[in-house]
Protein backbone atom coordinates (compact mmCIF):
# COMPACT_ATOMS: atom_id res chain seq x y z
CA MET A 1 -45.07 5.42 -30.54
CA THR A 2 -47.07 4.23 -27.66
CA ALA A 3 -48.09 0.92 -26.84
CA PRO A 4 -50.50 -1.09 -28.41
CA ALA A 5 -53.71 -1.95 -26.24
CA THR A 6 -55.22 -5.74 -26.01
CA THR A 7 -58.26 -5.59 -27.67
CA GLU A 8 -61.34 -8.14 -28.02
CA LYS A 9 -59.78 -9.05 -31.93
CA THR A 10 -56.62 -10.34 -30.52
CA SER A 11 -58.58 -13.10 -28.22
CA ARG A 12 -58.55 -15.89 -31.23
CA THR A 13 -55.69 -17.88 -32.16
CA LEU A 14 -54.44 -17.48 -35.46
CA VAL A 15 -50.81 -19.13 -35.77
CA ALA A 16 -49.63 -21.49 -33.73
CA THR A 17 -46.65 -23.80 -33.07
CA ASP A 18 -46.44 -26.85 -31.33
CA ARG A 19 -43.02 -28.25 -30.08
CA LEU A 20 -41.71 -26.63 -33.62
CA THR A 21 -37.95 -27.60 -34.34
CA LYS A 22 -35.49 -27.41 -37.07
CA TYR A 23 -32.22 -28.52 -37.37
CA PHE A 24 -29.75 -28.36 -40.37
CA PRO A 25 -27.38 -31.47 -40.95
CA ILE A 26 -23.38 -30.43 -40.82
CA ARG A 27 -21.04 -33.12 -42.69
CA ARG A 28 -17.50 -32.31 -41.70
CA GLY A 29 -16.09 -34.58 -43.82
CA PHE A 30 -16.77 -37.35 -46.55
CA PHE A 31 -16.13 -40.13 -44.47
CA ALA A 32 -17.85 -38.67 -41.58
CA ARG A 33 -20.00 -41.15 -39.80
CA SER A 34 -22.56 -38.97 -39.06
CA ALA A 35 -23.78 -35.67 -39.27
CA LYS A 36 -23.94 -33.12 -36.68
CA VAL A 37 -26.66 -30.88 -36.75
CA VAL A 38 -27.27 -27.18 -35.49
CA ARG A 39 -30.37 -26.80 -33.49
CA ALA A 40 -31.81 -23.88 -35.07
CA VAL A 41 -35.01 -24.14 -33.32
CA ASP A 42 -35.64 -26.65 -30.58
CA GLY A 43 -39.08 -27.66 -29.04
CA VAL A 44 -40.52 -24.16 -29.63
CA SER A 45 -44.63 -23.72 -29.10
CA ILE A 46 -45.55 -20.17 -29.39
CA LYS A 47 -49.06 -18.69 -30.57
CA VAL A 48 -50.11 -14.92 -32.15
CA ARG A 49 -53.69 -14.20 -32.06
CA ARG A 50 -55.76 -12.50 -34.85
CA GLY A 51 -54.94 -8.46 -35.11
CA GLU A 52 -51.67 -8.41 -32.17
CA THR A 53 -48.32 -8.16 -32.19
CA LEU A 54 -45.69 -10.19 -30.67
CA GLY A 55 -42.50 -9.25 -30.34
CA LEU A 56 -39.78 -12.02 -30.87
CA VAL A 57 -36.43 -10.90 -29.16
CA GLY A 58 -33.11 -11.91 -28.46
CA GLU A 59 -29.42 -11.99 -29.40
CA SER A 60 -27.89 -13.00 -33.14
CA GLY A 61 -27.82 -16.32 -33.58
CA CYS A 62 -30.41 -17.66 -31.33
CA GLY A 63 -33.14 -18.45 -34.06
CA LYS A 64 -35.47 -16.05 -34.51
CA SER A 65 -35.80 -15.72 -38.00
CA THR A 66 -35.19 -19.57 -38.80
CA LEU A 67 -38.72 -19.60 -36.47
CA GLY A 68 -40.28 -16.58 -38.63
CA ARG A 69 -39.26 -18.52 -41.84
CA LEU A 70 -40.60 -22.06 -40.04
CA MET A 71 -44.14 -20.30 -39.35
CA LEU A 72 -44.47 -19.32 -43.03
CA ARG A 73 -43.29 -22.69 -44.38
CA LEU A 74 -39.97 -20.98 -46.06
CA ILE A 75 -38.13 -23.66 -44.17
CA GLU A 76 -39.80 -26.97 -44.06
CA PRO A 77 -39.47 -27.67 -40.24
CA THR A 78 -38.07 -31.13 -38.87
CA VAL A 79 -40.30 -31.86 -36.58
CA GLY A 80 -43.91 -30.21 -34.58
CA ARG A 81 -46.92 -28.57 -36.01
CA ILE A 82 -47.76 -25.13 -37.31
CA VAL A 83 -50.88 -25.00 -37.23
CA TYR A 84 -52.87 -22.11 -39.32
CA ASP A 85 -56.41 -20.98 -38.14
CA GLY A 86 -57.15 -24.15 -37.00
CA ARG A 87 -55.70 -26.12 -39.88
CA ASP A 88 -51.91 -28.11 -39.45
CA ILE A 89 -50.12 -27.18 -42.95
CA VAL A 90 -47.15 -29.09 -42.12
CA PRO A 91 -48.55 -31.71 -44.19
CA LEU A 92 -49.39 -30.06 -46.92
CA SER A 93 -48.37 -30.18 -50.36
CA GLN A 94 -46.90 -26.62 -52.02
CA SER A 95 -49.87 -27.10 -54.28
CA GLN A 96 -52.40 -27.16 -50.92
CA LEU A 97 -50.18 -24.63 -49.76
CA ARG A 98 -50.84 -22.50 -52.66
CA PRO A 99 -53.92 -20.75 -51.64
CA LEU A 100 -52.85 -19.78 -47.75
CA ARG A 101 -49.73 -17.77 -49.42
CA ARG A 102 -51.36 -14.75 -49.47
CA LYS A 103 -52.84 -14.98 -46.28
CA MET A 104 -49.13 -15.16 -44.39
CA GLN A 105 -46.38 -12.92 -45.91
CA ILE A 106 -42.87 -11.43 -44.49
CA ILE A 107 -41.15 -8.16 -44.09
CA PHE A 108 -37.42 -8.16 -44.93
CA GLN A 109 -34.97 -6.98 -42.97
CA ASP A 110 -32.53 -5.31 -45.49
CA PRO A 111 -34.52 -3.26 -47.86
CA TYR A 112 -31.58 -2.98 -50.10
CA SER A 113 -31.54 -6.70 -51.07
CA SER A 114 -35.27 -7.71 -50.70
CA LEU A 115 -36.09 -5.79 -53.90
CA ASN A 116 -35.11 -7.04 -57.53
CA PRO A 117 -33.24 -4.20 -58.79
CA ARG A 118 -34.49 -5.27 -62.65
CA MET A 119 -37.98 -4.78 -61.53
CA THR A 120 -39.69 -1.58 -61.15
CA VAL A 121 -41.83 -1.04 -58.20
CA ARG A 122 -45.55 -1.43 -60.29
CA ASP A 123 -43.87 -5.16 -61.10
CA ILE A 124 -42.50 -5.81 -57.82
CA VAL A 125 -45.94 -4.97 -56.05
CA GLY A 126 -48.12 -6.43 -58.86
CA GLU A 127 -46.17 -10.16 -58.95
CA ALA A 128 -48.21 -11.21 -56.29
CA ILE A 129 -51.61 -9.83 -57.30
CA ARG A 130 -51.10 -11.61 -61.14
CA ILE A 131 -49.99 -15.08 -59.50
CA HIS A 132 -52.97 -14.67 -56.96
CA LYS A 133 -55.35 -13.23 -59.40
CA LEU A 134 -56.38 -10.73 -57.63
CA ALA A 135 -57.62 -8.30 -60.27
CA SER A 136 -59.52 -8.87 -63.24
CA GLY A 137 -57.48 -7.27 -65.99
CA LYS A 138 -54.52 -4.60 -66.16
CA LEU A 139 -56.65 -1.37 -65.18
CA GLU A 140 -57.71 -2.86 -61.50
CA GLU A 141 -54.38 -4.19 -61.19
CA GLU A 142 -53.26 -0.68 -61.57
CA GLN A 143 -55.33 0.79 -59.18
CA ARG A 144 -54.60 -1.87 -56.91
CA ILE A 145 -51.00 -0.83 -56.99
CA ALA A 146 -51.96 2.92 -56.42
CA GLU A 147 -53.71 2.05 -53.79
CA LEU A 148 -50.91 0.03 -51.84
CA LEU A 149 -48.59 3.16 -52.34
CA THR A 150 -50.59 5.59 -51.17
CA LYS A 151 -51.26 3.05 -48.20
CA VAL A 152 -47.92 3.12 -47.09
CA GLY A 153 -47.06 6.75 -47.68
CA LEU A 154 -45.80 6.52 -51.45
CA ARG A 155 -47.01 8.63 -54.53
CA ALA A 156 -48.84 6.19 -57.51
CA GLU A 157 -46.48 7.16 -59.58
CA ALA A 158 -43.69 6.11 -57.55
CA MET A 159 -44.63 2.60 -59.48
CA ASN A 160 -42.94 3.43 -62.38
CA ARG A 161 -39.30 3.99 -61.04
CA TYR A 162 -36.47 1.73 -60.27
CA PRO A 163 -35.68 0.47 -56.70
CA HIS A 164 -32.14 2.04 -56.65
CA GLU A 165 -34.10 5.52 -56.93
CA PHE A 166 -35.50 5.52 -53.49
CA SER A 167 -34.08 5.98 -50.24
CA GLY A 168 -33.75 3.16 -47.53
CA GLY A 169 -36.65 3.93 -45.76
CA GLN A 170 -39.06 4.27 -48.69
CA ARG A 171 -37.81 0.59 -50.32
CA GLN A 172 -39.14 -0.73 -47.15
CA ARG A 173 -42.39 0.91 -47.50
CA ILE A 174 -42.55 -0.66 -51.19
CA GLY A 175 -41.71 -4.20 -49.13
CA ILE A 176 -44.30 -3.34 -47.00
CA ALA A 177 -46.82 -2.49 -50.24
CA ARG A 178 -46.00 -5.26 -51.62
CA ALA A 179 -46.52 -7.62 -48.87
CA LEU A 180 -49.96 -6.22 -48.21
CA ALA A 181 -50.44 -6.89 -52.17
CA VAL A 182 -52.21 -9.93 -50.99
CA GLN A 183 -54.16 -9.18 -48.43
CA PRO A 184 -52.58 -10.92 -46.19
CA GLU A 185 -53.88 -11.51 -42.05
CA PHE A 186 -50.37 -12.43 -41.04
CA ILE A 187 -47.14 -11.22 -41.43
CA VAL A 188 -44.03 -11.92 -40.28
CA CYS A 189 -41.21 -8.53 -39.94
CA ASP A 190 -38.07 -9.92 -39.87
CA GLU A 191 -36.21 -6.76 -38.54
CA PRO A 192 -37.95 -4.63 -40.85
CA ILE A 193 -36.14 -1.11 -39.36
CA SER A 194 -32.90 -2.58 -38.26
CA ALA A 195 -31.18 -1.95 -41.53
CA LEU A 196 -32.20 1.88 -41.26
CA ASP A 197 -31.45 5.24 -39.97
CA VAL A 198 -32.76 5.57 -36.61
CA SER A 199 -34.72 8.91 -38.09
CA ILE A 200 -36.85 6.69 -40.14
CA GLN A 201 -37.12 3.88 -37.61
CA ALA A 202 -40.28 5.00 -36.17
CA GLN A 203 -41.99 6.43 -38.58
CA ILE A 204 -41.92 2.44 -40.65
CA VAL A 205 -43.09 1.53 -37.24
CA ASN A 206 -45.72 4.01 -36.64
CA LEU A 207 -46.72 2.86 -40.19
CA LEU A 208 -46.75 -0.83 -38.90
CA GLN A 209 -48.87 0.27 -36.47
CA ASP A 210 -51.15 2.20 -38.21
CA LEU A 211 -51.90 -0.63 -40.78
CA GLN A 212 -52.51 -2.80 -38.14
CA ASP A 213 -55.22 -0.73 -36.82
CA GLU A 214 -57.07 -0.24 -40.22
CA LEU A 215 -56.56 -4.07 -41.49
CA GLY A 216 -56.38 -6.25 -38.55
CA VAL A 217 -53.51 -7.72 -39.84
CA ALA A 218 -51.55 -9.59 -37.00
CA TYR A 219 -47.11 -9.58 -36.50
CA LEU A 220 -44.63 -11.46 -35.64
CA PHE A 221 -42.41 -8.69 -34.76
CA ILE A 222 -38.85 -9.91 -34.78
CA SER A 223 -36.52 -7.42 -33.36
CA HIS A 224 -32.63 -7.24 -30.99
CA ASP A 225 -34.34 -3.41 -30.21
CA LEU A 226 -36.38 -4.18 -27.11
CA ASN A 227 -37.31 -0.57 -26.32
CA ILE A 228 -38.71 -0.59 -29.95
CA VAL A 229 -40.89 -4.07 -29.18
CA GLU A 230 -41.85 -2.42 -26.07
CA HIS A 231 -43.84 0.22 -27.82
CA VAL A 232 -45.02 -2.31 -30.71
CA ALA A 233 -46.10 -5.99 -29.36
CA HIS A 234 -49.20 -6.73 -27.22
CA ARG A 235 -47.08 -9.39 -26.18
CA VAL A 236 -43.38 -10.55 -25.97
CA ALA A 237 -41.48 -13.83 -26.49
CA VAL A 238 -37.70 -13.82 -25.00
CA MET A 239 -35.54 -16.88 -27.35
CA TYR A 240 -31.97 -18.05 -26.21
CA LEU A 241 -30.50 -20.88 -28.46
CA GLY A 242 -33.06 -22.02 -30.14
CA LYS A 243 -35.44 -21.75 -27.22
CA ILE A 244 -38.70 -19.66 -25.38
CA VAL A 245 -36.71 -19.10 -22.04
CA GLU A 246 -39.72 -16.35 -21.38
CA GLN A 247 -43.08 -15.00 -22.65
CA GLY A 248 -46.09 -13.09 -21.37
CA ASP A 249 -47.70 -9.44 -21.84
CA SER A 250 -45.93 -6.86 -22.94
CA PRO A 251 -46.19 -4.44 -19.38
CA SER A 252 -45.93 -7.78 -17.09
CA LEU A 253 -42.51 -9.06 -19.03
CA TYR A 254 -40.80 -5.34 -18.54
CA ALA A 255 -41.90 -4.77 -15.68
CA ARG A 256 -41.48 -8.36 -13.62
CA ALA A 257 -38.95 -10.09 -16.18
CA HIS A 258 -38.43 -13.26 -13.74
CA HIS A 259 -36.17 -15.25 -15.85
CA PRO A 260 -32.21 -13.92 -15.53
CA TYR A 261 -31.62 -13.50 -19.56
CA THR A 262 -34.46 -11.59 -19.78
CA ARG A 263 -33.28 -9.25 -17.18
CA ALA A 264 -29.81 -9.26 -19.01
CA LEU A 265 -31.19 -8.00 -22.17
CA LEU A 266 -33.24 -5.28 -20.51
CA SER A 267 -30.16 -3.94 -18.77
CA ALA A 268 -28.52 -3.51 -22.19
CA VAL A 269 -31.02 -0.85 -23.10
CA PRO A 270 -29.34 2.01 -23.24
CA VAL A 271 -30.84 4.79 -21.18
CA ALA A 272 -31.57 8.25 -22.72
CA ASP A 273 -31.16 10.15 -19.36
CA PRO A 274 -28.38 9.18 -17.01
CA THR A 275 -30.30 10.19 -13.35
CA HIS A 276 -32.12 7.29 -14.06
CA LYS A 277 -31.31 4.26 -12.22
CA ARG A 278 -31.30 0.99 -13.76
CA LEU A 279 -31.13 -2.91 -13.51
CA HIS A 280 -27.05 -4.16 -14.16
CA VAL A 281 -26.57 -7.35 -15.09
CA LEU A 282 -23.38 -8.20 -16.54
CA LEU A 283 -23.07 -11.63 -18.16
CA GLU A 284 -20.13 -13.60 -18.63
CA GLY A 285 -19.01 -16.21 -21.43
CA ASP A 286 -20.61 -16.11 -25.01
CA VAL A 287 -23.27 -17.91 -26.31
CA PRO A 288 -22.75 -21.61 -26.85
CA SER A 289 -22.73 -23.44 -29.97
CA PRO A 290 -26.47 -24.43 -31.53
CA ILE A 291 -23.83 -27.50 -32.67
CA ASP A 292 -22.99 -28.48 -29.14
CA PRO A 293 -25.68 -26.59 -26.33
CA PRO A 294 -24.71 -27.53 -22.81
CA SER A 295 -26.63 -29.99 -21.13
CA GLY A 296 -30.02 -29.31 -18.91
CA CYS A 297 -30.56 -25.30 -19.42
CA ALA A 298 -29.19 -23.94 -22.16
CA PHE A 299 -28.35 -20.37 -20.19
CA HIS A 300 -26.29 -22.23 -17.34
CA PRO A 301 -23.09 -21.48 -18.14
CA ARG A 302 -23.57 -17.61 -17.89
CA CYS A 303 -26.59 -17.68 -15.47
CA PRO A 304 -25.25 -15.79 -11.93
CA ARG A 305 -28.36 -18.04 -10.43
CA ALA A 306 -27.57 -21.05 -11.44
CA ILE A 307 -28.13 -24.14 -9.21
CA LYS A 308 -25.97 -26.61 -9.18
CA GLY A 309 -26.87 -30.25 -10.03
CA THR A 310 -30.17 -29.23 -11.32
CA CYS A 311 -29.68 -26.25 -13.98
CA ASP A 312 -26.59 -28.26 -15.30
CA GLN A 313 -28.84 -31.54 -15.85
CA GLN A 314 -32.19 -30.89 -16.37
CA ALA A 315 -33.80 -28.98 -18.72
CA PRO A 316 -36.53 -26.91 -17.50
CA MET A 317 -40.26 -26.53 -19.06
CA LEU A 318 -41.88 -23.40 -20.20
CA ALA A 319 -44.40 -22.82 -17.31
CA GLU A 320 -46.77 -19.73 -15.85
CA ILE A 321 -44.84 -18.30 -13.31
CA GLN A 322 -48.28 -17.98 -11.79
CA LEU A 323 -51.39 -19.53 -12.58
CA GLY A 324 -54.12 -17.66 -14.99
CA SER A 325 -51.11 -14.81 -15.40
CA GLY A 326 -50.42 -15.54 -19.25
CA HIS A 327 -46.49 -14.85 -17.74
CA LYS A 328 -44.16 -18.11 -18.36
CA VAL A 329 -40.83 -19.02 -18.05
CA ALA A 330 -38.50 -21.79 -18.57
CA CYS A 331 -35.63 -21.13 -15.66
CA TRP A 332 -35.12 -23.65 -12.08
CA ASN A 333 -34.66 -20.45 -10.21
CA PRO A 334 -36.02 -17.46 -11.21
CA HIS A 335 -36.53 -13.90 -9.83
CA THR A 336 -40.07 -14.04 -7.59
CA GLU A 337 -39.27 -11.12 -5.37
CA GLU A 338 -41.02 -7.96 -6.36
CA PRO A 339 -38.67 -6.19 -8.36
CA VAL A 340 -37.63 -2.33 -7.71
CA VAL A 341 -39.09 -0.73 -11.17
CA GLU A 342 -39.69 2.70 -11.71
CA ARG A 343 -41.12 2.50 -15.49
CA ASP A 344 -40.61 5.10 -17.81
CA SER A 345 -39.51 3.03 -20.67
CA ARG A 346 -36.51 1.97 -17.95
CA MET A 347 -35.57 -0.56 -15.54
CA THR A 348 -33.96 0.45 -12.06
CA PRO A 349 -31.94 -2.25 -9.92
CA ALA A 350 -33.49 -5.24 -8.82
CA PRO A 351 -32.78 -7.51 -5.57
């Protein structure tokens, strides 16, 4: 796997969110006076350009998958905007949204549960083709399915079999073929390799990159594996407790992470070579509850650089660390000194 290069095709924004928010109400009893809420996504503004991969990383439960589903409007937002190709899709009804559905697809995390065991591969991949009337008849539909299966590395005769007859990696290839069936422009990859054997993960990642090069599709690549994201993503956004705390170009963020949380995530990346020095950051405490998040910066109870009276009182805005750099951080006391970094996909101790 090689890191993707930023090209001219990745300059135009395809999909963007503006202060996108999703609160899930929780009622604790029939006589409860008011409902508490889970702040799953809390005012997120990000953008994905045409033909690029935006990596979205963070600990489990931080809201990554919810954000991905919100961007496809599989979940309705509480407030905020989702702008697809210059058009706000939040006010659209389901009938108005239907023509856009074929442009936005998702690859699910678990290839075992995301495929209907009672349907053949022909029906699984061909269902969207029939719904959107992309084939003139049975023969053309079968030809399209065969081409899609070949494109993702399966044989055409696989269309006559059922999901249980395939391995995990093959099932994920079927899921990718299903997503590609309607010729989408944007695909949310929701931890597409986390349920697969390590030996298969690189194959699926390479397949996704090859498809992007060939078809120009844009990805939101959700993952907790920072090593994989480094190789896949043009840009990376780091999420903590429903908010984006840092984002920037992949080389910049991995070489010079400014937010203490980002540096902690990077320090947890396994190092194959024991002779390599690395960044050591130990976080204390647990992730706060999204039902009752801390005041000010949500990360301040665990942050070794928290400033009393500021970080615990005021929430920082996501802003460029240096004007024009595109590298943004939401922190009152970020790491701004030059880190001592020896990059071979590994971090070294920083001051």
